[in-house]
Amino acid sequence: MSTCPSGRRADWPIVTSRLVLRPPCDADAEAIFRRYAADPQVLRYVGWPRHAGVEDTRQFLEFSRSAWRRWPVGPLLMEDRASGELIGSTGLDFETPYRAATGYVLARDRWGQGFASEALAAMVELARQHRVARLYALCHSAHDASRRVLARGGFALEGILRRHTVFPNLGTPEPQDVCCYSRSI
C-alpha cells in the first residue's frame, strides 16, 4: 500500500502482466518530458500541446494532483514491469461519479507492442471497481491505431463528433472530427 497523490490510502500500484500503473509524482517530471511529452510524433493526435520544457510537465503534475484530490482516480503512469522504464500514461478522467473518460499515450519505442491494449483493459477493470457506469474515449478520426485498440478493448463506436476538438500539435486551430467510443461497465 502506498499513499496516492490525494493523500488517501489506495492499492497502488496496479500491476498487469507487463505493466505497473501508478499515480505520477514530482520526481517523474524529467522522465515524462523526455519519454513522451515533448515528442511531436507521439503527441500528434492528443488534445494537449507538446511540452516545450519540463516546466510544462510540472504543470501537468499539478493538474494530476488536482484530479486526484477531487476523484478516486486520476492520471496514471505506465511503467514496463520488466525494466521499470516509464513508457507512457493512462488513467481515468471523471466527469461525474458514474461517468469517466480514458485514454493512453505511449513513448514511440513502445508502439505496436500491445501496451495500450493492456493499459486499456486495466482502466476498464478500474472503472468497474469504482462503479463507473459509462466509460468512454475520444480519438481523432484519422488515428487508426487508437481506433483499433479501442475496438479490440470492447469499446463500441458511437459516432463521429464533427469539429469537436482542437488538436494543438497538428498545427491548425480548427476543431477536428473525433470518434466517440464507449463501453458499459
N, C-alpha and C. Protein backbone atom coordinates (compact mmCIF):
# COMPACT_ATOMS: atom_id res chain seq x y z
N MET A 1 0.85 -1.18 0.00
CA MET A 1 0.00 0.00 0.00
C MET A 1 0.89 1.24 0.00
N SER A 2 0.48 2.21 -0.77
CA SER A 2 1.19 3.48 -0.77
C SER A 2 0.18 4.61 -0.74
N THR A 3 0.67 5.79 -0.47
CA THR A 3 -0.21 6.95 -0.44
C THR A 3 -0.31 7.52 -1.84
N CYS A 4 -1.53 7.66 -2.34
CA CYS A 4 -1.70 8.26 -3.66
C CYS A 4 -1.71 9.78 -3.51
N PRO A 5 -1.62 10.52 -4.62
CA PRO A 5 -1.49 11.98 -4.54
C PRO A 5 -2.59 12.68 -3.76
N SER A 6 -3.73 12.06 -3.63
CA SER A 6 -4.83 12.70 -2.90
C SER A 6 -4.61 12.63 -1.40
N GLY A 7 -3.63 11.86 -0.98
CA GLY A 7 -3.41 11.68 0.44
C GLY A 7 -4.18 10.50 1.02
N ARG A 8 -5.09 9.92 0.21
CA ARG A 8 -5.85 8.76 0.66
C ARG A 8 -5.04 7.50 0.42
N ARG A 9 -5.25 6.49 1.22
CA ARG A 9 -4.58 5.21 1.03
C ARG A 9 -5.30 4.48 -0.09
N ALA A 10 -4.56 3.82 -0.92
CA ALA A 10 -5.15 3.07 -2.02
C ALA A 10 -4.22 1.93 -2.39
N ASP A 11 -4.75 0.99 -3.11
CA ASP A 11 -3.94 -0.13 -3.59
C ASP A 11 -3.21 0.29 -4.86
N TRP A 12 -2.06 0.90 -4.67
CA TRP A 12 -1.22 1.31 -5.79
C TRP A 12 0.13 0.68 -5.60
N PRO A 13 0.75 0.27 -6.60
CA PRO A 13 0.36 0.39 -7.98
C PRO A 13 -0.57 -0.75 -8.43
N ILE A 14 -1.13 -0.59 -9.63
CA ILE A 14 -1.84 -1.67 -10.31
C ILE A 14 -0.79 -2.39 -11.14
N VAL A 15 -0.76 -3.70 -11.03
CA VAL A 15 0.22 -4.48 -11.77
C VAL A 15 -0.51 -5.41 -12.73
N THR A 16 -0.16 -5.35 -14.01
CA THR A 16 -0.70 -6.24 -15.01
C THR A 16 0.42 -7.18 -15.44
N SER A 17 0.20 -7.96 -16.47
CA SER A 17 1.24 -8.91 -16.86
C SER A 17 2.54 -8.22 -17.28
N ARG A 18 2.45 -7.04 -17.92
CA ARG A 18 3.67 -6.36 -18.37
C ARG A 18 3.81 -4.93 -17.89
N LEU A 19 2.80 -4.42 -17.17
CA LEU A 19 2.80 -3.01 -16.79
C LEU A 19 2.68 -2.81 -15.28
N VAL A 20 3.21 -1.71 -14.83
CA VAL A 20 2.96 -1.18 -13.50
C VAL A 20 2.31 0.18 -13.73
N LEU A 21 1.11 0.38 -13.20
CA LEU A 21 0.37 1.63 -13.35
C LEU A 21 0.30 2.30 -11.99
N ARG A 22 0.73 3.57 -11.95
CA ARG A 22 0.79 4.26 -10.66
C ARG A 22 0.56 5.75 -10.85
N PRO A 23 0.13 6.43 -9.79
CA PRO A 23 -0.01 7.89 -9.87
C PRO A 23 1.35 8.55 -10.09
N PRO A 24 1.37 9.63 -10.85
CA PRO A 24 2.64 10.34 -11.05
C PRO A 24 3.02 11.14 -9.81
N CYS A 25 4.31 11.43 -9.69
CA CYS A 25 4.80 12.28 -8.61
C CYS A 25 5.80 13.28 -9.18
N ASP A 26 6.18 14.25 -8.40
CA ASP A 26 7.06 15.31 -8.87
C ASP A 26 8.37 14.78 -9.46
N ALA A 27 8.89 13.72 -8.90
CA ALA A 27 10.15 13.16 -9.38
C ALA A 27 10.06 12.59 -10.79
N ASP A 28 8.85 12.44 -11.32
CA ASP A 28 8.66 11.88 -12.66
C ASP A 28 8.77 12.92 -13.77
N ALA A 29 8.86 14.19 -13.44
CA ALA A 29 8.78 15.25 -14.46
C ALA A 29 9.78 15.06 -15.60
N GLU A 30 11.03 14.85 -15.30
CA GLU A 30 12.06 14.72 -16.35
C GLU A 30 11.77 13.52 -17.25
N ALA A 31 11.42 12.39 -16.66
CA ALA A 31 11.17 11.19 -17.45
C ALA A 31 9.93 11.35 -18.33
N ILE A 32 8.88 11.94 -17.81
CA ILE A 32 7.67 12.19 -18.62
C ILE A 32 8.03 13.08 -19.80
N PHE A 33 8.73 14.16 -19.53
CA PHE A 33 9.12 15.08 -20.59
C PHE A 33 9.96 14.37 -21.65
N ARG A 34 10.96 13.66 -21.22
CA ARG A 34 11.90 13.00 -22.13
C ARG A 34 11.26 11.85 -22.92
N ARG A 35 10.42 11.05 -22.26
CA ARG A 35 9.91 9.83 -22.91
C ARG A 35 8.76 10.09 -23.88
N TYR A 36 7.86 11.04 -23.56
CA TYR A 36 6.74 11.21 -24.49
C TYR A 36 6.17 12.62 -24.56
N ALA A 37 6.26 13.43 -23.55
CA ALA A 37 5.54 14.71 -23.53
C ALA A 37 6.14 15.77 -24.44
N ALA A 38 7.35 15.57 -24.93
CA ALA A 38 7.98 16.53 -25.84
C ALA A 38 8.11 15.99 -27.26
N ASP A 39 7.63 14.78 -27.50
CA ASP A 39 7.80 14.13 -28.80
C ASP A 39 6.64 14.48 -29.73
N PRO A 40 6.89 15.26 -30.80
CA PRO A 40 5.80 15.67 -31.67
C PRO A 40 5.08 14.52 -32.35
N GLN A 41 5.78 13.44 -32.66
CA GLN A 41 5.11 12.28 -33.28
C GLN A 41 4.17 11.60 -32.30
N VAL A 42 4.60 11.44 -31.07
CA VAL A 42 3.77 10.80 -30.05
C VAL A 42 2.52 11.64 -29.80
N LEU A 43 2.67 12.94 -29.80
CA LEU A 43 1.58 13.83 -29.41
C LEU A 43 0.74 14.35 -30.57
N ARG A 44 0.99 13.87 -31.74
CA ARG A 44 0.26 14.36 -32.91
C ARG A 44 -1.25 14.37 -32.70
N TYR A 45 -1.81 13.30 -32.17
CA TYR A 45 -3.26 13.17 -32.04
C TYR A 45 -3.76 13.27 -30.60
N VAL A 46 -3.09 14.01 -29.76
CA VAL A 46 -3.61 14.24 -28.41
C VAL A 46 -4.15 15.66 -28.31
N GLY A 47 -5.03 15.88 -27.36
CA GLY A 47 -5.71 17.16 -27.22
C GLY A 47 -4.99 18.16 -26.35
N TRP A 48 -3.74 17.90 -25.99
CA TRP A 48 -2.97 18.85 -25.20
C TRP A 48 -1.66 19.16 -25.93
N PRO A 49 -1.14 20.37 -25.75
CA PRO A 49 0.05 20.76 -26.50
C PRO A 49 1.33 20.05 -26.03
N ARG A 50 2.21 19.85 -26.98
CA ARG A 50 3.53 19.28 -26.70
C ARG A 50 4.21 20.15 -25.64
N HIS A 51 4.88 19.50 -24.70
CA HIS A 51 5.58 20.23 -23.66
C HIS A 51 6.87 20.82 -24.24
N ALA A 52 7.00 22.13 -24.10
CA ALA A 52 8.18 22.83 -24.60
C ALA A 52 9.35 22.71 -23.63
N GLY A 53 9.06 22.47 -22.36
CA GLY A 53 10.09 22.33 -21.35
C GLY A 53 9.53 21.58 -20.15
N VAL A 54 10.40 21.24 -19.24
CA VAL A 54 9.99 20.47 -18.06
C VAL A 54 8.98 21.25 -17.22
N GLU A 55 8.99 22.57 -17.31
CA GLU A 55 8.00 23.36 -16.56
C GLU A 55 6.58 23.02 -17.01
N ASP A 56 6.39 22.77 -18.30
CA ASP A 56 5.07 22.34 -18.79
C ASP A 56 4.69 21.01 -18.16
N THR A 57 5.65 20.13 -18.02
CA THR A 57 5.40 18.82 -17.41
C THR A 57 5.05 18.99 -15.94
N ARG A 58 5.69 19.92 -15.27
CA ARG A 58 5.35 20.18 -13.87
C ARG A 58 3.91 20.70 -13.74
N GLN A 59 3.46 21.47 -14.72
CA GLN A 59 2.07 21.93 -14.71
C GLN A 59 1.11 20.75 -14.87
N PHE A 60 1.49 19.76 -15.70
CA PHE A 60 0.69 18.53 -15.80
C PHE A 60 0.63 17.83 -14.45
N LEU A 61 1.73 17.80 -13.74
CA LEU A 61 1.75 17.13 -12.44
C LEU A 61 0.83 17.85 -11.45
N GLU A 62 0.75 19.16 -11.53
CA GLU A 62 -0.20 19.90 -10.68
C GLU A 62 -1.64 19.57 -11.07
N PHE A 63 -1.91 19.52 -12.36
CA PHE A 63 -3.23 19.10 -12.85
C PHE A 63 -3.57 17.71 -12.32
N SER A 64 -2.60 16.82 -12.36
CA SER A 64 -2.79 15.46 -11.88
C SER A 64 -3.15 15.44 -10.39
N ARG A 65 -2.40 16.20 -9.59
CA ARG A 65 -2.71 16.27 -8.15
C ARG A 65 -4.13 16.76 -7.92
N SER A 66 -4.54 17.75 -8.69
CA SER A 66 -5.89 18.30 -8.57
C SER A 66 -6.94 17.22 -8.88
N ALA A 67 -6.73 16.47 -9.93
CA ALA A 67 -7.68 15.39 -10.28
C ALA A 67 -7.74 14.35 -9.16
N TRP A 68 -6.58 14.01 -8.62
CA TRP A 68 -6.54 13.00 -7.55
C TRP A 68 -7.20 13.53 -6.26
N ARG A 69 -7.14 14.81 -6.01
CA ARG A 69 -7.82 15.36 -4.82
C ARG A 69 -9.33 15.30 -4.98
N ARG A 70 -9.81 15.48 -6.19
CA ARG A 70 -11.26 15.55 -6.42
C ARG A 70 -11.92 14.20 -6.64
N TRP A 71 -11.22 13.27 -7.27
CA TRP A 71 -11.82 11.99 -7.69
C TRP A 71 -11.04 10.81 -7.13
N PRO A 72 -11.61 9.62 -7.19
CA PRO A 72 -10.90 8.46 -6.64
C PRO A 72 -9.72 8.00 -7.48
N VAL A 73 -9.68 8.41 -8.74
CA VAL A 73 -8.59 8.04 -9.66
C VAL A 73 -8.33 9.23 -10.56
N GLY A 74 -7.11 9.36 -11.00
CA GLY A 74 -6.73 10.41 -11.95
C GLY A 74 -5.73 9.86 -12.94
N PRO A 75 -4.83 10.69 -13.44
CA PRO A 75 -3.81 10.22 -14.37
C PRO A 75 -2.90 9.18 -13.71
N LEU A 76 -2.48 8.23 -14.53
CA LEU A 76 -1.58 7.17 -14.10
C LEU A 76 -0.42 7.06 -15.08
N LEU A 77 0.75 6.77 -14.55
CA LEU A 77 1.89 6.50 -15.41
C LEU A 77 1.98 5.01 -15.67
N MET A 78 2.49 4.67 -16.85
CA MET A 78 2.73 3.28 -17.24
C MET A 78 4.23 3.03 -17.20
N GLU A 79 4.60 2.00 -16.47
CA GLU A 79 6.00 1.57 -16.47
C GLU A 79 6.06 0.14 -16.98
N ASP A 80 7.14 -0.16 -17.69
CA ASP A 80 7.39 -1.52 -18.13
C ASP A 80 7.73 -2.33 -16.88
N ARG A 81 6.97 -3.37 -16.63
CA ARG A 81 7.16 -4.17 -15.41
C ARG A 81 8.54 -4.82 -15.37
N ALA A 82 9.05 -5.24 -16.52
CA ALA A 82 10.34 -5.93 -16.56
C ALA A 82 11.51 -4.98 -16.32
N SER A 83 11.46 -3.80 -16.93
CA SER A 83 12.62 -2.89 -16.86
C SER A 83 12.43 -1.74 -15.88
N GLY A 84 11.18 -1.43 -15.51
CA GLY A 84 10.90 -0.28 -14.66
C GLY A 84 10.89 1.03 -15.42
N GLU A 85 11.10 0.99 -16.73
CA GLU A 85 11.16 2.21 -17.54
C GLU A 85 9.77 2.81 -17.73
N LEU A 86 9.68 4.12 -17.64
CA LEU A 86 8.45 4.84 -17.93
C LEU A 86 8.18 4.72 -19.43
N ILE A 87 6.96 4.28 -19.79
CA ILE A 87 6.66 4.11 -21.21
C ILE A 87 5.44 4.91 -21.66
N GLY A 88 4.68 5.51 -20.74
CA GLY A 88 3.52 6.28 -21.17
C GLY A 88 2.61 6.61 -20.01
N SER A 89 1.38 6.99 -20.37
CA SER A 89 0.39 7.30 -19.33
C SER A 89 -1.00 6.90 -19.78
N THR A 90 -1.87 6.77 -18.80
CA THR A 90 -3.27 6.42 -18.99
C THR A 90 -4.01 7.02 -17.81
N GLY A 91 -5.16 6.49 -17.47
CA GLY A 91 -5.89 6.94 -16.29
C GLY A 91 -7.37 7.05 -16.55
N LEU A 92 -8.06 7.56 -15.56
CA LEU A 92 -9.48 7.85 -15.66
C LEU A 92 -9.68 9.33 -15.41
N ASP A 93 -10.51 9.93 -16.24
CA ASP A 93 -10.84 11.35 -16.11
C ASP A 93 -12.34 11.41 -15.78
N PHE A 94 -12.64 11.51 -14.49
CA PHE A 94 -14.03 11.51 -14.04
C PHE A 94 -14.72 12.82 -14.40
N GLU A 95 -15.95 12.70 -14.87
CA GLU A 95 -16.83 13.85 -15.10
C GLU A 95 -17.92 13.90 -14.04
N THR A 96 -18.37 12.73 -13.64
CA THR A 96 -19.34 12.56 -12.57
C THR A 96 -18.93 11.28 -11.84
N PRO A 97 -19.54 10.96 -10.72
CA PRO A 97 -19.18 9.70 -10.06
C PRO A 97 -19.47 8.45 -10.89
N TYR A 98 -20.29 8.55 -11.93
CA TYR A 98 -20.64 7.38 -12.73
C TYR A 98 -20.16 7.45 -14.18
N ARG A 99 -19.50 8.54 -14.58
CA ARG A 99 -19.05 8.69 -15.97
C ARG A 99 -17.61 9.18 -15.99
N ALA A 100 -16.79 8.47 -16.78
CA ALA A 100 -15.38 8.84 -16.90
C ALA A 100 -14.88 8.58 -18.31
N ALA A 101 -13.86 9.32 -18.67
CA ALA A 101 -13.16 9.11 -19.94
C ALA A 101 -11.83 8.44 -19.64
N THR A 102 -11.29 7.78 -20.64
CA THR A 102 -9.97 7.19 -20.53
C THR A 102 -9.21 7.43 -21.83
N GLY A 103 -7.95 7.13 -21.81
CA GLY A 103 -7.09 7.26 -22.97
C GLY A 103 -5.71 6.75 -22.62
N TYR A 104 -4.78 6.94 -23.52
CA TYR A 104 -3.44 6.43 -23.31
C TYR A 104 -2.50 7.17 -24.25
N VAL A 105 -1.26 7.27 -23.85
CA VAL A 105 -0.20 7.81 -24.70
C VAL A 105 1.04 6.98 -24.38
N LEU A 106 1.71 6.56 -25.44
CA LEU A 106 2.89 5.70 -25.30
C LEU A 106 4.11 6.31 -25.97
N ALA A 107 5.26 6.13 -25.34
CA ALA A 107 6.52 6.51 -25.98
C ALA A 107 6.64 5.76 -27.31
N ARG A 108 7.22 6.42 -28.28
CA ARG A 108 7.27 5.88 -29.64
C ARG A 108 7.92 4.49 -29.72
N ASP A 109 8.94 4.25 -28.91
CA ASP A 109 9.61 2.94 -28.98
C ASP A 109 8.75 1.81 -28.41
N ARG A 110 7.56 2.12 -27.90
CA ARG A 110 6.67 1.09 -27.36
C ARG A 110 5.40 0.91 -28.20
N TRP A 111 5.31 1.61 -29.31
CA TRP A 111 4.15 1.46 -30.19
C TRP A 111 4.09 0.06 -30.77
N GLY A 112 2.87 -0.42 -30.99
CA GLY A 112 2.66 -1.68 -31.69
C GLY A 112 3.01 -2.93 -30.91
N GLN A 113 3.15 -2.82 -29.60
CA GLN A 113 3.54 -3.98 -28.79
C GLN A 113 2.44 -4.43 -27.83
N GLY A 114 1.25 -3.85 -27.94
CA GLY A 114 0.12 -4.26 -27.12
C GLY A 114 0.02 -3.58 -25.76
N PHE A 115 0.89 -2.63 -25.47
CA PHE A 115 0.84 -1.97 -24.17
C PHE A 115 -0.41 -1.11 -24.01
N ALA A 116 -0.85 -0.44 -25.08
CA ALA A 116 -2.07 0.38 -24.99
C ALA A 116 -3.28 -0.51 -24.69
N SER A 117 -3.36 -1.65 -25.34
CA SER A 117 -4.48 -2.58 -25.08
C SER A 117 -4.45 -3.08 -23.65
N GLU A 118 -3.28 -3.38 -23.14
CA GLU A 118 -3.15 -3.87 -21.76
C GLU A 118 -3.55 -2.78 -20.76
N ALA A 119 -3.11 -1.54 -21.02
CA ALA A 119 -3.48 -0.43 -20.14
C ALA A 119 -4.98 -0.17 -20.21
N LEU A 120 -5.56 -0.24 -21.40
CA LEU A 120 -7.00 -0.01 -21.55
C LEU A 120 -7.80 -1.05 -20.78
N ALA A 121 -7.40 -2.30 -20.85
CA ALA A 121 -8.09 -3.36 -20.09
C ALA A 121 -8.01 -3.07 -18.59
N ALA A 122 -6.87 -2.58 -18.12
CA ALA A 122 -6.73 -2.24 -16.71
C ALA A 122 -7.65 -1.08 -16.33
N MET A 123 -7.82 -0.11 -17.24
CA MET A 123 -8.71 1.02 -16.96
C MET A 123 -10.17 0.58 -16.93
N VAL A 124 -10.53 -0.37 -17.76
CA VAL A 124 -11.90 -0.91 -17.72
C VAL A 124 -12.15 -1.56 -16.36
N GLU A 125 -11.20 -2.36 -15.90
CA GLU A 125 -11.36 -3.01 -14.60
C GLU A 125 -11.38 -1.99 -13.47
N LEU A 126 -10.53 -0.98 -13.54
CA LEU A 126 -10.51 0.06 -12.52
C LEU A 126 -11.83 0.83 -12.51
N ALA A 127 -12.36 1.13 -13.68
CA ALA A 127 -13.66 1.81 -13.76
C ALA A 127 -14.76 0.94 -13.14
N ARG A 128 -14.69 -0.35 -13.39
CA ARG A 128 -15.68 -1.29 -12.80
C ARG A 128 -15.58 -1.26 -11.27
N GLN A 129 -14.38 -1.26 -10.75
CA GLN A 129 -14.18 -1.22 -9.30
C GLN A 129 -14.74 0.05 -8.67
N HIS A 130 -14.74 1.13 -9.44
CA HIS A 130 -15.24 2.41 -8.93
C HIS A 130 -16.67 2.70 -9.37
N ARG A 131 -17.33 1.67 -9.84
CA ARG A 131 -18.75 1.72 -10.21
C ARG A 131 -19.06 2.77 -11.28
N VAL A 132 -18.15 2.93 -12.22
CA VAL A 132 -18.40 3.79 -13.37
C VAL A 132 -19.40 3.06 -14.26
N ALA A 133 -20.46 3.73 -14.63
CA ALA A 133 -21.48 3.13 -15.49
C ALA A 133 -21.14 3.31 -16.97
N ARG A 134 -20.52 4.44 -17.28
CA ARG A 134 -20.17 4.73 -18.67
C ARG A 134 -18.71 5.16 -18.74
N LEU A 135 -17.93 4.39 -19.46
CA LEU A 135 -16.53 4.70 -19.72
C LEU A 135 -16.42 4.99 -21.21
N TYR A 136 -15.80 6.12 -21.56
CA TYR A 136 -15.68 6.44 -22.98
C TYR A 136 -14.29 6.96 -23.30
N ALA A 137 -14.03 7.02 -24.60
CA ALA A 137 -12.76 7.55 -25.09
C ALA A 137 -13.03 8.26 -26.40
N LEU A 138 -12.34 9.36 -26.60
CA LEU A 138 -12.40 10.10 -27.85
C LEU A 138 -11.05 9.97 -28.54
N CYS A 139 -11.07 9.83 -29.86
CA CYS A 139 -9.80 9.84 -30.59
C CYS A 139 -10.02 10.51 -31.93
N HIS A 140 -8.96 11.11 -32.44
CA HIS A 140 -9.01 11.77 -33.74
C HIS A 140 -9.48 10.74 -34.77
N SER A 141 -10.33 11.19 -35.68
CA SER A 141 -10.92 10.25 -36.64
C SER A 141 -9.87 9.61 -37.56
N ALA A 142 -8.70 10.21 -37.72
CA ALA A 142 -7.66 9.64 -38.56
C ALA A 142 -6.66 8.78 -37.78
N HIS A 143 -6.84 8.64 -36.49
CA HIS A 143 -5.89 7.88 -35.66
C HIS A 143 -6.30 6.40 -35.67
N ASP A 144 -5.95 5.73 -36.75
CA ASP A 144 -6.39 4.35 -36.96
C ASP A 144 -5.88 3.39 -35.89
N ALA A 145 -4.66 3.56 -35.43
CA ALA A 145 -4.11 2.64 -34.42
C ALA A 145 -4.92 2.73 -33.13
N SER A 146 -5.26 3.93 -32.71
CA SER A 146 -6.05 4.09 -31.49
C SER A 146 -7.46 3.54 -31.67
N ARG A 147 -8.02 3.74 -32.83
CA ARG A 147 -9.35 3.20 -33.11
C ARG A 147 -9.34 1.68 -33.00
N ARG A 148 -8.29 1.03 -33.50
CA ARG A 148 -8.19 -0.44 -33.41
C ARG A 148 -8.06 -0.89 -31.95
N VAL A 149 -7.25 -0.17 -31.17
CA VAL A 149 -7.09 -0.53 -29.75
C VAL A 149 -8.43 -0.46 -29.04
N LEU A 150 -9.18 0.61 -29.27
CA LEU A 150 -10.48 0.76 -28.60
C LEU A 150 -11.45 -0.33 -29.02
N ALA A 151 -11.51 -0.64 -30.29
CA ALA A 151 -12.41 -1.70 -30.77
C ALA A 151 -12.02 -3.05 -30.17
N ARG A 152 -10.73 -3.37 -30.16
CA ARG A 152 -10.28 -4.64 -29.55
C ARG A 152 -10.58 -4.67 -28.05
N GLY A 153 -10.62 -3.49 -27.42
CA GLY A 153 -10.87 -3.42 -25.99
C GLY A 153 -12.35 -3.47 -25.62
N GLY A 154 -13.20 -3.74 -26.60
CA GLY A 154 -14.63 -3.87 -26.33
C GLY A 154 -15.39 -2.57 -26.32
N PHE A 155 -14.77 -1.50 -26.81
CA PHE A 155 -15.45 -0.21 -26.90
C PHE A 155 -16.20 -0.15 -28.23
N ALA A 156 -17.43 0.34 -28.18
CA ALA A 156 -18.25 0.46 -29.39
C ALA A 156 -18.16 1.89 -29.93
N LEU A 157 -18.03 2.00 -31.23
CA LEU A 157 -18.05 3.31 -31.87
C LEU A 157 -19.47 3.83 -31.83
N GLU A 158 -19.65 4.94 -31.13
CA GLU A 158 -20.98 5.56 -31.04
C GLU A 158 -21.22 6.52 -32.20
N GLY A 159 -20.16 7.10 -32.72
CA GLY A 159 -20.31 8.02 -33.83
C GLY A 159 -19.14 8.97 -33.94
N ILE A 160 -19.25 9.83 -34.92
CA ILE A 160 -18.24 10.86 -35.17
C ILE A 160 -18.78 12.18 -34.65
N LEU A 161 -18.02 12.84 -33.81
CA LEU A 161 -18.38 14.17 -33.33
C LEU A 161 -17.67 15.16 -34.24
N ARG A 162 -18.43 15.84 -35.07
CA ARG A 162 -17.87 16.74 -36.08
C ARG A 162 -17.34 18.02 -35.43
N ARG A 163 -16.13 18.40 -35.89
CA ARG A 163 -15.49 19.65 -35.46
C ARG A 163 -15.56 19.82 -33.94
N HIS A 164 -15.10 18.81 -33.24
CA HIS A 164 -15.27 18.71 -31.79
C HIS A 164 -14.07 19.20 -30.99
N THR A 165 -12.86 18.83 -31.40
CA THR A 165 -11.68 19.04 -30.56
C THR A 165 -10.54 19.67 -31.37
N VAL A 166 -9.89 20.64 -30.76
CA VAL A 166 -8.68 21.18 -31.36
C VAL A 166 -7.52 20.29 -30.93
N PHE A 167 -6.73 19.86 -31.89
CA PHE A 167 -5.54 19.06 -31.62
C PHE A 167 -4.35 19.98 -31.86
N PRO A 168 -3.81 20.58 -30.80
CA PRO A 168 -2.83 21.66 -30.95
C PRO A 168 -1.55 21.25 -31.65
N ASN A 169 -1.24 19.96 -31.68
CA ASN A 169 0.01 19.52 -32.28
C ASN A 169 -0.11 19.23 -33.77
N LEU A 170 -1.30 19.39 -34.34
CA LEU A 170 -1.49 19.22 -35.77
C LEU A 170 -1.19 20.50 -36.54
N GLY A 171 -1.05 21.61 -35.83
CA GLY A 171 -0.68 22.86 -36.47
C GLY A 171 -1.85 23.63 -37.08
N THR A 172 -3.06 23.28 -36.69
CA THR A 172 -4.22 24.02 -37.17
C THR A 172 -5.11 24.37 -35.98
N PRO A 173 -5.64 25.58 -35.96
CA PRO A 173 -6.52 25.96 -34.84
C PRO A 173 -7.95 25.47 -35.02
N GLU A 174 -8.22 24.80 -36.13
CA GLU A 174 -9.58 24.35 -36.41
C GLU A 174 -9.92 23.08 -35.63
N PRO A 175 -11.12 23.04 -35.03
CA PRO A 175 -11.55 21.80 -34.37
C PRO A 175 -11.62 20.66 -35.39
N GLN A 176 -11.25 19.49 -34.94
CA GLN A 176 -11.20 18.29 -35.78
C GLN A 176 -12.31 17.33 -35.40
N ASP A 177 -12.63 16.43 -36.31
CA ASP A 177 -13.60 15.37 -36.03
C ASP A 177 -12.96 14.34 -35.10
N VAL A 178 -13.75 13.83 -34.17
CA VAL A 178 -13.29 12.77 -33.28
C VAL A 178 -14.29 11.63 -33.29
N CYS A 179 -13.77 10.46 -33.06
CA CYS A 179 -14.60 9.26 -32.90
C CYS A 179 -14.88 9.11 -31.42
N CYS A 180 -16.14 8.86 -31.11
CA CYS A 180 -16.54 8.63 -29.72
C CYS A 180 -16.82 7.15 -29.53
N TYR A 181 -16.02 6.53 -28.66
CA TYR A 181 -16.17 5.12 -28.32
C TYR A 181 -16.61 5.03 -26.87
N SER A 182 -17.45 4.05 -26.58
CA SER A 182 -17.86 3.87 -25.18
C SER A 182 -17.98 2.40 -24.85
N ARG A 183 -18.02 2.19 -23.56
CA ARG A 183 -18.17 0.83 -23.06
C ARG A 183 -18.97 0.89 -21.78
N SER A 184 -20.04 0.11 -21.74
CA SER A 184 -20.78 -0.02 -20.49
C SER A 184 -20.01 -0.94 -19.58
N ILE A 185 -20.00 -0.60 -18.32
CA ILE A 185 -19.22 -1.39 -17.36
C ILE A 185 -20.16 -2.26 -16.54
